[in-house]
N, C-alpha and C. Protein backbone atom coordinates (compact mmCIF):
# COMPACT_ATOMS: atom_id res chain seq x y z
N MET A 1 -52.47 -4.60 59.81
CA MET A 1 -51.79 -4.41 61.08
C MET A 1 -51.61 -5.74 61.79
N THR A 2 -52.64 -6.60 61.74
CA THR A 2 -52.56 -7.90 62.39
C THR A 2 -51.52 -8.77 61.71
N ALA A 3 -51.41 -8.69 60.38
CA ALA A 3 -50.42 -9.48 59.64
C ALA A 3 -49.01 -9.07 60.03
N LEU A 4 -48.78 -7.78 60.22
CA LEU A 4 -47.45 -7.33 60.63
C LEU A 4 -47.11 -7.81 62.03
N ALA A 5 -48.07 -7.80 62.92
CA ALA A 5 -47.82 -8.26 64.30
C ALA A 5 -47.53 -9.75 64.32
N SER A 6 -48.26 -10.54 63.53
CA SER A 6 -48.00 -11.98 63.52
C SER A 6 -46.67 -12.29 62.87
N ALA A 7 -46.25 -11.53 61.86
CA ALA A 7 -44.94 -11.74 61.23
C ALA A 7 -43.82 -11.40 62.20
N ALA A 8 -44.01 -10.39 63.00
CA ALA A 8 -42.98 -10.02 63.98
C ALA A 8 -42.85 -11.09 65.06
N MET A 9 -43.96 -11.71 65.44
CA MET A 9 -43.90 -12.75 66.46
C MET A 9 -43.33 -14.05 65.90
N ALA A 10 -43.48 -14.28 64.59
CA ALA A 10 -42.98 -15.52 63.99
C ALA A 10 -41.47 -15.50 63.84
N ALA A 11 -40.87 -14.32 63.73
CA ALA A 11 -39.41 -14.25 63.58
C ALA A 11 -38.75 -14.48 64.93
N PRO A 12 -37.68 -15.31 64.96
CA PRO A 12 -37.01 -15.54 66.23
C PRO A 12 -36.33 -14.27 66.73
N ALA A 13 -36.24 -14.16 68.03
CA ALA A 13 -35.58 -13.01 68.62
C ALA A 13 -34.08 -13.05 68.31
N SER A 14 -33.40 -11.95 68.54
CA SER A 14 -31.97 -11.92 68.24
C SER A 14 -31.23 -12.91 69.14
N ALA A 15 -30.24 -13.53 68.56
CA ALA A 15 -29.49 -14.58 69.26
C ALA A 15 -28.56 -13.97 70.30
N ALA A 16 -28.27 -14.74 71.31
CA ALA A 16 -27.39 -14.28 72.38
C ALA A 16 -26.31 -15.34 72.60
N GLU A 17 -25.29 -14.96 73.34
CA GLU A 17 -24.22 -15.90 73.65
C GLU A 17 -23.63 -15.56 75.01
N ALA A 18 -23.06 -16.56 75.63
CA ALA A 18 -22.41 -16.38 76.93
C ALA A 18 -20.90 -16.53 76.71
N PRO A 19 -20.11 -15.50 77.02
CA PRO A 19 -18.67 -15.59 76.78
C PRO A 19 -18.00 -16.60 77.72
N VAL A 20 -16.99 -17.29 77.19
CA VAL A 20 -16.25 -18.29 77.96
C VAL A 20 -14.76 -18.11 77.68
N VAL A 21 -13.98 -18.03 78.73
CA VAL A 21 -12.51 -18.02 78.62
C VAL A 21 -12.03 -19.26 79.36
N VAL A 22 -11.34 -20.15 78.62
CA VAL A 22 -10.90 -21.41 79.20
C VAL A 22 -9.60 -21.16 79.97
N PRO A 23 -9.57 -21.43 81.29
CA PRO A 23 -8.35 -21.19 82.07
C PRO A 23 -7.34 -22.34 81.87
N LEU A 24 -6.24 -22.03 81.19
CA LEU A 24 -5.20 -23.03 80.94
C LEU A 24 -3.88 -22.68 81.61
N GLN A 25 -3.89 -21.71 82.52
CA GLN A 25 -2.65 -21.31 83.19
C GLN A 25 -2.07 -22.43 84.04
N GLY A 26 -2.86 -23.39 84.47
CA GLY A 26 -2.37 -24.51 85.26
C GLY A 26 -1.46 -25.44 84.47
N LEU A 27 -1.42 -25.30 83.16
CA LEU A 27 -0.55 -26.13 82.34
C LEU A 27 0.89 -25.63 82.29
N GLU A 28 1.12 -24.39 82.66
CA GLU A 28 2.46 -23.80 82.52
C GLU A 28 3.56 -24.57 83.24
N PRO A 29 3.34 -25.14 84.43
CA PRO A 29 4.43 -25.92 85.04
C PRO A 29 4.74 -27.21 84.28
N ALA A 30 3.77 -27.74 83.52
CA ALA A 30 3.97 -29.01 82.84
C ALA A 30 4.50 -28.86 81.42
N ILE A 31 4.34 -27.70 80.80
CA ILE A 31 4.82 -27.52 79.43
C ILE A 31 5.92 -26.46 79.42
N PRO A 32 6.89 -26.57 78.50
CA PRO A 32 8.03 -25.65 78.51
C PRO A 32 7.77 -24.32 77.81
N MET A 33 6.56 -23.80 77.89
CA MET A 33 6.24 -22.51 77.27
C MET A 33 5.03 -21.92 77.97
N ASP A 34 4.67 -20.71 77.56
CA ASP A 34 3.48 -20.08 78.12
C ASP A 34 2.24 -20.87 77.70
N ALA A 35 1.26 -20.87 78.55
CA ALA A 35 0.03 -21.61 78.26
C ALA A 35 -0.75 -20.94 77.14
N PRO A 36 -1.40 -21.73 76.28
CA PRO A 36 -2.25 -21.12 75.25
C PRO A 36 -3.50 -20.51 75.88
N THR A 37 -4.13 -19.63 75.14
CA THR A 37 -5.37 -19.02 75.61
C THR A 37 -6.49 -19.39 74.64
N VAL A 38 -7.65 -19.68 75.21
CA VAL A 38 -8.83 -20.00 74.41
C VAL A 38 -9.96 -19.09 74.89
N ALA A 39 -10.49 -18.30 73.97
CA ALA A 39 -11.63 -17.43 74.27
C ALA A 39 -12.72 -17.73 73.25
N THR A 40 -13.89 -18.06 73.73
CA THR A 40 -15.00 -18.39 72.85
C THR A 40 -16.30 -18.03 73.56
N GLY A 41 -17.35 -18.64 73.19
CA GLY A 41 -18.65 -18.39 73.82
C GLY A 41 -19.54 -19.60 73.65
N VAL A 42 -20.59 -19.63 74.42
CA VAL A 42 -21.58 -20.69 74.32
C VAL A 42 -22.82 -20.07 73.70
N PRO A 43 -23.24 -20.59 72.54
CA PRO A 43 -24.45 -20.02 71.93
C PRO A 43 -25.68 -20.34 72.76
N LEU A 44 -26.55 -19.37 72.88
CA LEU A 44 -27.82 -19.55 73.59
C LEU A 44 -28.94 -19.51 72.55
N PRO A 45 -29.46 -20.68 72.15
CA PRO A 45 -30.50 -20.69 71.12
C PRO A 45 -31.79 -20.03 71.58
N VAL A 46 -32.40 -19.30 70.67
CA VAL A 46 -33.65 -18.60 70.96
C VAL A 46 -34.72 -19.17 70.04
N PRO A 47 -35.72 -19.86 70.59
CA PRO A 47 -36.77 -20.41 69.72
C PRO A 47 -37.72 -19.33 69.23
N GLY A 48 -38.24 -19.54 68.04
CA GLY A 48 -39.23 -18.64 67.47
C GLY A 48 -40.61 -19.27 67.55
N ALA A 49 -41.55 -18.65 66.89
CA ALA A 49 -42.93 -19.16 66.87
C ALA A 49 -43.03 -20.27 65.83
N PRO A 50 -43.77 -21.33 66.12
CA PRO A 50 -43.94 -22.40 65.12
C PRO A 50 -44.63 -21.90 63.86
N THR A 51 -44.25 -22.49 62.76
CA THR A 51 -44.87 -22.14 61.49
C THR A 51 -45.72 -23.32 61.03
N VAL A 52 -46.94 -23.04 60.61
CA VAL A 52 -47.86 -24.09 60.17
C VAL A 52 -48.41 -23.69 58.80
N PHE A 53 -48.28 -24.60 57.85
CA PHE A 53 -48.85 -24.39 56.53
C PHE A 53 -49.76 -25.57 56.23
N HIS A 54 -50.97 -25.30 55.77
CA HIS A 54 -51.89 -26.37 55.41
C HIS A 54 -51.70 -26.68 53.94
N GLU A 55 -51.04 -27.79 53.65
CA GLU A 55 -50.78 -28.19 52.29
C GLU A 55 -51.64 -29.38 51.94
N GLY A 56 -51.68 -29.70 50.68
CA GLY A 56 -52.31 -30.94 50.29
C GLY A 56 -53.65 -30.77 49.64
N ARG A 57 -54.60 -31.54 50.08
CA ARG A 57 -55.90 -31.66 49.41
C ARG A 57 -56.68 -30.35 49.42
N SER A 58 -57.44 -30.18 48.32
CA SER A 58 -58.30 -29.00 48.28
C SER A 58 -59.62 -29.28 48.99
N GLN A 59 -59.94 -30.57 49.16
CA GLN A 59 -61.17 -30.93 49.86
C GLN A 59 -60.82 -31.42 51.25
N GLY A 60 -61.76 -31.37 52.11
CA GLY A 60 -61.58 -31.95 53.43
C GLY A 60 -60.96 -31.00 54.42
N MET A 61 -60.67 -31.56 55.55
CA MET A 61 -60.12 -30.79 56.65
C MET A 61 -58.61 -30.69 56.51
N PRO A 62 -57.98 -29.70 57.13
CA PRO A 62 -56.53 -29.59 57.02
C PRO A 62 -55.83 -30.75 57.73
N ASP A 63 -54.60 -30.98 57.32
CA ASP A 63 -53.81 -32.05 57.93
C ASP A 63 -53.49 -31.74 59.38
N ILE A 64 -53.30 -32.79 60.15
CA ILE A 64 -52.91 -32.66 61.55
C ILE A 64 -51.40 -32.76 61.59
N GLY A 65 -50.76 -31.91 62.36
CA GLY A 65 -49.31 -31.98 62.36
C GLY A 65 -48.66 -31.36 63.56
N LEU A 66 -47.40 -31.69 63.71
CA LEU A 66 -46.53 -31.09 64.70
C LEU A 66 -45.62 -30.13 63.93
N PRO A 67 -45.76 -28.82 64.12
CA PRO A 67 -45.06 -27.87 63.26
C PRO A 67 -43.57 -27.77 63.56
N ARG A 68 -42.85 -27.24 62.59
CA ARG A 68 -41.43 -26.92 62.78
C ARG A 68 -41.33 -25.69 63.68
N VAL A 69 -40.30 -25.67 64.50
CA VAL A 69 -40.04 -24.51 65.34
C VAL A 69 -38.70 -23.93 64.93
N PRO A 70 -38.67 -22.69 64.44
CA PRO A 70 -37.39 -22.10 64.07
C PRO A 70 -36.58 -21.73 65.31
N VAL A 71 -35.28 -21.93 65.23
CA VAL A 71 -34.38 -21.61 66.32
C VAL A 71 -33.24 -20.78 65.75
N ALA A 72 -32.96 -19.65 66.37
CA ALA A 72 -31.88 -18.78 65.91
C ALA A 72 -30.81 -18.72 66.99
N SER A 73 -29.59 -18.66 66.55
CA SER A 73 -28.45 -18.54 67.45
C SER A 73 -27.29 -17.99 66.65
N SER A 74 -26.16 -17.93 67.25
CA SER A 74 -24.95 -17.53 66.53
C SER A 74 -23.78 -18.35 67.05
N VAL A 75 -22.91 -18.69 66.12
CA VAL A 75 -21.67 -19.36 66.51
C VAL A 75 -20.74 -18.24 66.96
N PRO A 76 -20.32 -18.24 68.24
CA PRO A 76 -19.55 -17.10 68.73
C PRO A 76 -18.13 -17.06 68.15
N LYS A 77 -17.55 -15.88 68.24
CA LYS A 77 -16.16 -15.71 67.81
C LYS A 77 -15.27 -16.55 68.72
N THR A 78 -14.32 -17.26 68.12
CA THR A 78 -13.41 -18.11 68.88
C THR A 78 -11.98 -17.73 68.53
N VAL A 79 -11.14 -17.59 69.55
CA VAL A 79 -9.73 -17.27 69.36
C VAL A 79 -8.90 -18.24 70.18
N LEU A 80 -8.02 -18.97 69.50
CA LEU A 80 -7.07 -19.86 70.16
C LEU A 80 -5.69 -19.31 69.85
N ALA A 81 -4.97 -18.88 70.87
CA ALA A 81 -3.64 -18.29 70.72
C ALA A 81 -2.64 -19.11 71.52
N ALA A 82 -1.60 -19.59 70.84
CA ALA A 82 -0.56 -20.38 71.50
C ALA A 82 0.79 -19.74 71.20
N PRO A 83 1.46 -19.23 72.24
CA PRO A 83 2.78 -18.64 71.99
C PRO A 83 3.76 -19.74 71.57
N LEU A 84 4.54 -19.44 70.55
CA LEU A 84 5.51 -20.42 70.07
C LEU A 84 6.73 -20.43 70.99
N PRO A 85 7.31 -21.60 71.23
CA PRO A 85 8.46 -21.68 72.14
C PRO A 85 9.71 -21.05 71.51
N GLU A 86 10.62 -20.65 72.37
CA GLU A 86 11.88 -20.06 71.92
C GLU A 86 12.83 -21.20 71.53
N VAL A 87 13.01 -21.38 70.21
CA VAL A 87 13.86 -22.46 69.72
C VAL A 87 15.32 -22.04 69.76
N ILE A 88 15.61 -20.86 69.26
CA ILE A 88 16.96 -20.31 69.28
C ILE A 88 16.98 -19.25 70.36
N GLU A 89 18.00 -19.28 71.19
CA GLU A 89 18.07 -18.36 72.33
C GLU A 89 18.06 -16.92 71.84
N GLY A 90 17.16 -16.14 72.41
CA GLY A 90 17.05 -14.73 72.08
C GLY A 90 16.12 -14.45 70.91
N SER A 91 15.50 -15.48 70.35
CA SER A 91 14.60 -15.26 69.22
C SER A 91 13.15 -15.40 69.68
N GLN A 92 12.28 -14.67 69.05
CA GLN A 92 10.85 -14.77 69.34
C GLN A 92 10.13 -14.99 68.01
N PHE A 93 9.38 -16.08 67.92
CA PHE A 93 8.69 -16.40 66.68
C PHE A 93 7.27 -15.86 66.64
N GLY A 94 6.72 -15.47 67.75
CA GLY A 94 5.37 -14.93 67.76
C GLY A 94 4.37 -15.88 68.38
N THR A 95 3.16 -15.79 67.91
CA THR A 95 2.06 -16.57 68.47
C THR A 95 1.27 -17.20 67.32
N ALA A 96 0.98 -18.47 67.46
CA ALA A 96 0.11 -19.15 66.48
C ALA A 96 -1.33 -18.83 66.84
N LEU A 97 -2.10 -18.38 65.86
CA LEU A 97 -3.49 -17.98 66.09
C LEU A 97 -4.43 -18.80 65.22
N LEU A 98 -5.48 -19.28 65.82
CA LEU A 98 -6.57 -19.91 65.10
C LEU A 98 -7.82 -19.15 65.52
N THR A 99 -8.42 -18.46 64.56
CA THR A 99 -9.60 -17.65 64.87
C THR A 99 -10.76 -18.06 63.98
N SER A 100 -11.94 -17.85 64.50
CA SER A 100 -13.16 -18.07 63.73
C SER A 100 -14.12 -16.95 64.11
N PRO A 101 -14.48 -16.10 63.15
CA PRO A 101 -15.39 -15.00 63.48
C PRO A 101 -16.79 -15.53 63.79
N GLY A 102 -17.54 -14.75 64.51
CA GLY A 102 -18.91 -15.13 64.82
C GLY A 102 -19.76 -15.16 63.56
N SER A 103 -20.70 -16.06 63.51
CA SER A 103 -21.58 -16.14 62.35
C SER A 103 -22.97 -16.57 62.80
N PRO A 104 -24.00 -16.11 62.09
CA PRO A 104 -25.37 -16.48 62.47
C PRO A 104 -25.65 -17.94 62.14
N LEU A 105 -26.52 -18.53 62.91
CA LEU A 105 -26.91 -19.93 62.73
C LEU A 105 -28.43 -20.00 62.84
N LYS A 106 -29.06 -20.59 61.84
CA LYS A 106 -30.52 -20.75 61.85
C LYS A 106 -30.83 -22.23 61.73
N ALA A 107 -31.78 -22.68 62.50
CA ALA A 107 -32.16 -24.08 62.48
C ALA A 107 -33.67 -24.20 62.60
N ALA A 108 -34.16 -25.38 62.27
CA ALA A 108 -35.58 -25.68 62.43
C ALA A 108 -35.69 -27.09 62.97
N THR A 109 -36.55 -27.28 63.94
CA THR A 109 -36.73 -28.59 64.55
C THR A 109 -37.44 -29.53 63.58
N PRO A 110 -37.35 -30.83 63.82
CA PRO A 110 -38.11 -31.75 62.97
C PRO A 110 -39.61 -31.53 63.15
N ALA A 111 -40.37 -31.96 62.17
CA ALA A 111 -41.82 -31.80 62.22
C ALA A 111 -42.47 -33.09 61.73
N ALA A 112 -43.73 -33.25 62.05
CA ALA A 112 -44.48 -34.43 61.61
C ALA A 112 -45.85 -33.99 61.13
N LYS A 113 -46.36 -34.74 60.18
CA LYS A 113 -47.72 -34.43 59.73
C LYS A 113 -48.44 -35.74 59.44
N VAL A 114 -49.74 -35.71 59.69
CA VAL A 114 -50.60 -36.86 59.41
C VAL A 114 -51.82 -36.32 58.68
N GLY A 115 -52.04 -36.84 57.48
CA GLY A 115 -53.20 -36.41 56.70
C GLY A 115 -54.48 -36.89 57.36
N ASN A 116 -55.52 -36.10 57.24
CA ASN A 116 -56.79 -36.43 57.86
C ASN A 116 -57.45 -37.59 57.10
N PRO A 117 -57.84 -38.66 57.79
CA PRO A 117 -58.44 -39.80 57.09
C PRO A 117 -59.91 -39.61 56.73
N VAL A 118 -60.52 -38.51 57.15
CA VAL A 118 -61.94 -38.27 56.88
C VAL A 118 -62.06 -37.09 55.94
N GLY A 119 -62.78 -37.28 54.82
CA GLY A 119 -62.99 -36.22 53.85
C GLY A 119 -64.28 -35.48 54.10
N MET A 120 -64.66 -34.68 53.14
CA MET A 120 -65.90 -33.92 53.22
C MET A 120 -67.09 -34.86 52.96
N PRO A 121 -68.26 -34.57 53.53
CA PRO A 121 -69.45 -35.38 53.24
C PRO A 121 -69.80 -35.29 51.75
N ARG A 122 -70.23 -36.41 51.22
CA ARG A 122 -70.55 -36.46 49.79
C ARG A 122 -72.03 -36.78 49.62
N GLY A 123 -72.66 -36.17 48.62
CA GLY A 123 -74.08 -36.37 48.37
C GLY A 123 -74.38 -37.75 47.84
N ASP A 124 -73.49 -38.32 47.04
CA ASP A 124 -73.75 -39.64 46.46
C ASP A 124 -73.59 -40.75 47.48
N ARG A 125 -73.09 -40.43 48.67
CA ARG A 125 -72.93 -41.43 49.74
C ARG A 125 -73.88 -41.13 50.90
N PHE A 126 -74.97 -40.42 50.61
CA PHE A 126 -75.98 -40.06 51.61
C PHE A 126 -75.41 -39.21 52.74
N GLY A 127 -74.48 -38.33 52.41
CA GLY A 127 -73.90 -37.42 53.39
C GLY A 127 -72.78 -38.00 54.23
N LEU A 128 -72.39 -39.24 53.95
CA LEU A 128 -71.27 -39.83 54.71
C LEU A 128 -69.94 -39.37 54.11
N PRO A 129 -68.98 -39.15 54.95
CA PRO A 129 -67.68 -38.71 54.41
C PRO A 129 -66.91 -39.87 53.78
N GLU A 130 -66.04 -39.52 52.89
CA GLU A 130 -65.17 -40.51 52.26
C GLU A 130 -63.99 -40.78 53.18
N LEU A 131 -63.63 -42.04 53.34
CA LEU A 131 -62.50 -42.40 54.20
C LEU A 131 -61.30 -42.69 53.32
N ALA A 132 -60.12 -42.34 53.85
CA ALA A 132 -58.88 -42.58 53.11
C ALA A 132 -57.79 -42.96 54.11
N MET A 133 -56.75 -43.57 53.59
CA MET A 133 -55.59 -43.88 54.44
C MET A 133 -54.89 -42.56 54.76
N PRO A 134 -54.56 -42.35 56.01
CA PRO A 134 -53.87 -41.09 56.34
C PRO A 134 -52.45 -41.10 55.79
N ASP A 135 -52.05 -39.97 55.26
CA ASP A 135 -50.67 -39.79 54.81
C ASP A 135 -49.85 -39.32 55.99
N ALA A 136 -48.83 -40.07 56.33
CA ALA A 136 -47.96 -39.69 57.45
C ALA A 136 -46.60 -39.32 56.90
N GLY A 137 -45.99 -38.32 57.48
CA GLY A 137 -44.68 -37.89 57.03
C GLY A 137 -43.90 -37.21 58.13
N VAL A 138 -42.59 -37.24 57.98
CA VAL A 138 -41.70 -36.57 58.92
C VAL A 138 -40.82 -35.61 58.14
N LEU A 139 -40.76 -34.38 58.59
CA LEU A 139 -39.88 -33.38 57.98
C LEU A 139 -38.59 -33.34 58.79
N THR A 140 -37.48 -33.44 58.12
CA THR A 140 -36.19 -33.50 58.79
C THR A 140 -35.80 -32.13 59.35
N PRO A 141 -34.93 -32.12 60.36
CA PRO A 141 -34.45 -30.83 60.87
C PRO A 141 -33.55 -30.15 59.84
N ALA A 142 -33.44 -28.86 59.93
CA ALA A 142 -32.61 -28.09 59.00
C ALA A 142 -31.70 -27.16 59.77
N VAL A 143 -30.46 -27.03 59.29
CA VAL A 143 -29.48 -26.12 59.91
C VAL A 143 -28.79 -25.35 58.79
N ASN A 144 -28.75 -24.02 58.94
CA ASN A 144 -28.06 -23.15 57.99
C ASN A 144 -27.08 -22.27 58.75
N GLY A 145 -25.86 -22.23 58.28
CA GLY A 145 -24.84 -21.40 58.90
C GLY A 145 -23.51 -21.66 58.22
N GLY A 146 -22.50 -20.97 58.64
CA GLY A 146 -21.18 -21.19 58.05
C GLY A 146 -20.08 -20.75 58.98
N LEU A 147 -18.95 -21.42 58.87
CA LEU A 147 -17.76 -21.07 59.64
C LEU A 147 -16.65 -20.67 58.68
N GLU A 148 -15.86 -19.71 59.07
CA GLU A 148 -14.73 -19.25 58.26
C GLU A 148 -13.49 -19.19 59.13
N PRO A 149 -12.93 -20.34 59.54
CA PRO A 149 -11.75 -20.31 60.40
C PRO A 149 -10.52 -19.78 59.66
N GLN A 150 -9.63 -19.15 60.40
CA GLN A 150 -8.41 -18.59 59.84
C GLN A 150 -7.24 -19.00 60.72
N LEU A 151 -6.18 -19.45 60.10
CA LEU A 151 -4.96 -19.84 60.81
C LEU A 151 -3.87 -18.88 60.43
N GLY A 152 -3.15 -18.37 61.41
CA GLY A 152 -2.11 -17.40 61.10
C GLY A 152 -1.05 -17.33 62.17
N LEU A 153 -0.11 -16.42 61.96
CA LEU A 153 1.01 -16.22 62.86
C LEU A 153 1.05 -14.74 63.21
N ALA A 154 0.93 -14.43 64.51
CA ALA A 154 0.99 -13.05 64.97
C ALA A 154 2.43 -12.73 65.33
N GLN A 155 2.90 -11.61 64.88
CA GLN A 155 4.28 -11.20 65.17
C GLN A 155 4.40 -10.77 66.62
N PRO A 156 5.56 -11.04 67.21
CA PRO A 156 5.74 -10.64 68.62
C PRO A 156 5.76 -9.12 68.77
N THR A 157 5.29 -8.65 69.90
CA THR A 157 5.30 -7.22 70.19
C THR A 157 6.63 -6.88 70.83
N ALA A 158 7.14 -5.75 70.45
CA ALA A 158 8.46 -5.34 70.95
C ALA A 158 8.38 -4.68 72.28
């Protein structure tokens, strides 16, 4: 039961986003067509619980480290629609659309670890611990996700 509770706390909460519509109607007097519309969102990253694994030596104390923190979010759906200008009088070409569906995004913060320079006490050294150079390392950040943008032409509505 305790293992299930700790696994639930280690997983990041569901990602959220704040919708954003970019107001471009002020451009209409300056351009000879209807203003394009941009609708997207701002991802709100949700941090999870840090993960710590004791790797390395079988003897001695565990390494000292700054753990990775998982962060979950989502890249929000984005729609850019620009009505095409009327080139030939009385004709309508439609709207140019650039869309990108929402997709999950998972990341992990950088981490650091420093190996413990003091080992276990040894009998052949009268109970004194063995000293060693500490192993220092930095784990790089990680990002996993994908975008699938689509470019198309929407037909005009009658």
